[in-house]
Structures are given as C-alpha cells and as structure tokens.
Amino acid sequence: MPVLRAPCGQGLVLALLNLAFATVVAVSTYYLNVLANTHVGLGLNVETFTSNQFNIPVNVLLQGSVTLPLATPLPVDATLSLSTLLYKGCSKKDVACASAFLPATNHLWSAVAKTFVNISNFEQPLFQDSAQTVTIQHINNLAAWNKPTAQISIVGHAMAITCMVRRARFYLASSSPSSAEIDSIAFCSPRKFDPNWICENQVATDAPSYAIQVSRGAATYLGVAPRHDIYMNPGYLATFTGSPLGAVRLGPVPAIDEFEGGILQIMAPWDVVPFGDCANLNPSTGLGWLMQMAGFVTITIGRAFDQIPAFATFTNGHLGSVLLQTVRAIDEYQGGILQLRAPWDVLPACSCLGTLDE
C-alpha cells in the first residue's frame, strides 16, 4: 500500500509558523512578567444612577418599620454591632431568614436614633426631644456585604434623618495613624421627609454627616463632617469634629476584588458614603437598587505568566508529526476595560460526585 507523505515544502512552512508562534508567546510572556506584581492605575471610576450603573446584589430584601418613643430606655445588646447589619447574609429569596433578622435590625437602628441626643449643635433638635416618638424605616439586601439604610422621621415634621451603614477606618487626631481601627459606622444626615422612601439618601454636598458607632453594647458619637468630605471624594481622610472623644480622622477602607484565584486584583478606595436610589427597584428580580459613587481603581497582576504553554506532539497522523497548543481563553471585567487571558488545558478532567436532582 502506498504511503502518504507530506510535501517537504509544507513541513518547512509548518515549522516556520511554529517558530513564529513560539516567538510571539515568548515575547508576550516576557512583557507580562515585566508587569507581574506591579500596580497599574486605571484612574477615577465613577458609577452613577444613569451610566456605568452598579446594581446592589440582593439575596432577599428586608424592609421594616418600627416606632420608638425617645424616652424609652434602650440598653444595647452587647452581642450586636452595626457590623451585624453590614455582614448578615441570607440565601436567595429566604424570607424566613430575613424575618428572623428583623428584631436585631430594629434594635440596632433604634440604638442609632437614641444616640442623636448626644450630638451637640444637632441640626434637627426635635430628634433629641424625649417627648417625641420617631418612626424608623429601614432596608437591607442581606447579601453578606450589605448597604443597610434607614429613614428616621417624626410625624408632622418636614425633615427626616437618613442613615447608611458603611465600613470606615478611623482614629483620634491626637493619636498615631497606627492606632486606627476599622468598624461599621452609621453616617446620618438631615433630609426632607420622603413619604415614598425606599433607600434614598441623597443630600446636599455641604450637609452635615454625623458618624455614629454601635459596637459591643456601646453607642458612640464620633463627630460631624460635611458630606463632600466622604462623597465623590475617594481616598480622602476627613476630619470629624464635635465628638466627646475629640477630633477623629476618618477615611475609606480600600475594597479588593480578586479574579482567577488572585491572579488579578482590583483595588479601589471608594467613597466612604455613596448615594443610593431605589426608584426602579424590582423586588422580584432584585435589580434596580443603584449606587452613585467614585473610586480610584488600581489593578495588580500576579506572577502567573512564567510558563509558556507547551506544544504537544501528535504522531502517526497522515500529515506526520503535528504540534498542538491550547487556545488562550479571554475573560473580560469592568465592561471590557480589563481582559484576562489564560492558556488552560486543552482537555480537562471531569468528575461528578453524587447525583443530580431532576
């Protein structure tokens, strides 16, 4: 039987193509290794209600309302902190989980409202009057990285107080920055009462923002600063004044997102307090809870480029020996601004443990 042989010219062309591909891979790997473990600044990233939108992930909505006579004593449960509101997670559409968390939520927001009495020169002194009863409306997305927000109001009064719990890094101005602690803080500002309120907290940029810490059974007033110090001002170290503790320096805690097992890191100091809007919130889909904020974004590329993807040699084919290499997969993040390319195995191994329910 005659043997099929590849023409010599085709073999030479194939060898040259392989050499060209190998050169491209080697050069690309060299430059990627130059980038490895270096920081690449992407500049200011602004997310608004109408462009570059960010929908807050919602596992199950917790919406509640509680009335609180300000004269009522309220010992703070030492097992609860505002971080409880920030990190509580429930499974998707787990209404029972959300309902079980309602008493703790009411208790913590009541503790925040009771702390207004400790604020000197408070812009809305009616909320410090022990003869008044306040109504606290609140919302939480219960996705374990939450945006708990509340509107605190008094019947017949035109102004309300809106608060959002956010994580922050802070220390006394009289102390060293090394003494800073990180905790969840309620940032509260006067806002016109909204009868259709869901999660909104937009205020004027010069509105006073009062910082209140509730932690381990104690509620502490940390001071006041204008909203522009902590909104659309990412990375800024604000000074809060008026606290019995003295002046407090307060700034954001950088958020870090990792992709592909940490190969790619995206780090950004976002605004301490963003604006929220729920005008188009769809409780069924969980979409429509939007944030408006800014952050300075930096990416770090890990050393995952040291191995040039190897060519495998396939033999005994009609064309003779064939070199085969995987095709790089491309993943996009941040709307295509970032691309992550990876040469995965040509043929992975699969395993299925257990059975699938029909």
Foldseek 3Di string as FASTA:
>chain_A
DDAFEADPVVVVVQVVVVVVVVVVLVVVLVVVQVQAQPKDWPFKDWADLVPLWDWDAFQAKQKDKDKAQLLDDQFQALVDWVVCQQFAADHRHPVVSSVVCVVVVVNHVVVVLNCLLVFPPDVDCVSNDNRFMKMKIWMWRRHRRIWIKIWIGGPPDQKIKIKTKFKKWKDAPVDDSVPIDIDIKIWIFIDTDDPPDDHFDDDDQQTKIWIWTGHSRDIFTQAIGGNVQQFQPFPHFDWGARGPVGIMTMHFDWDWDADPVRQKIKIWRKGRDWGWDQPPQDSVVSGRTTTTIMITIMMHGHSPSPDRFAWDWDAPDSHGIDTDTADWDWDAPSVRPDIDTDRDDPDDDDDDDDDDDD
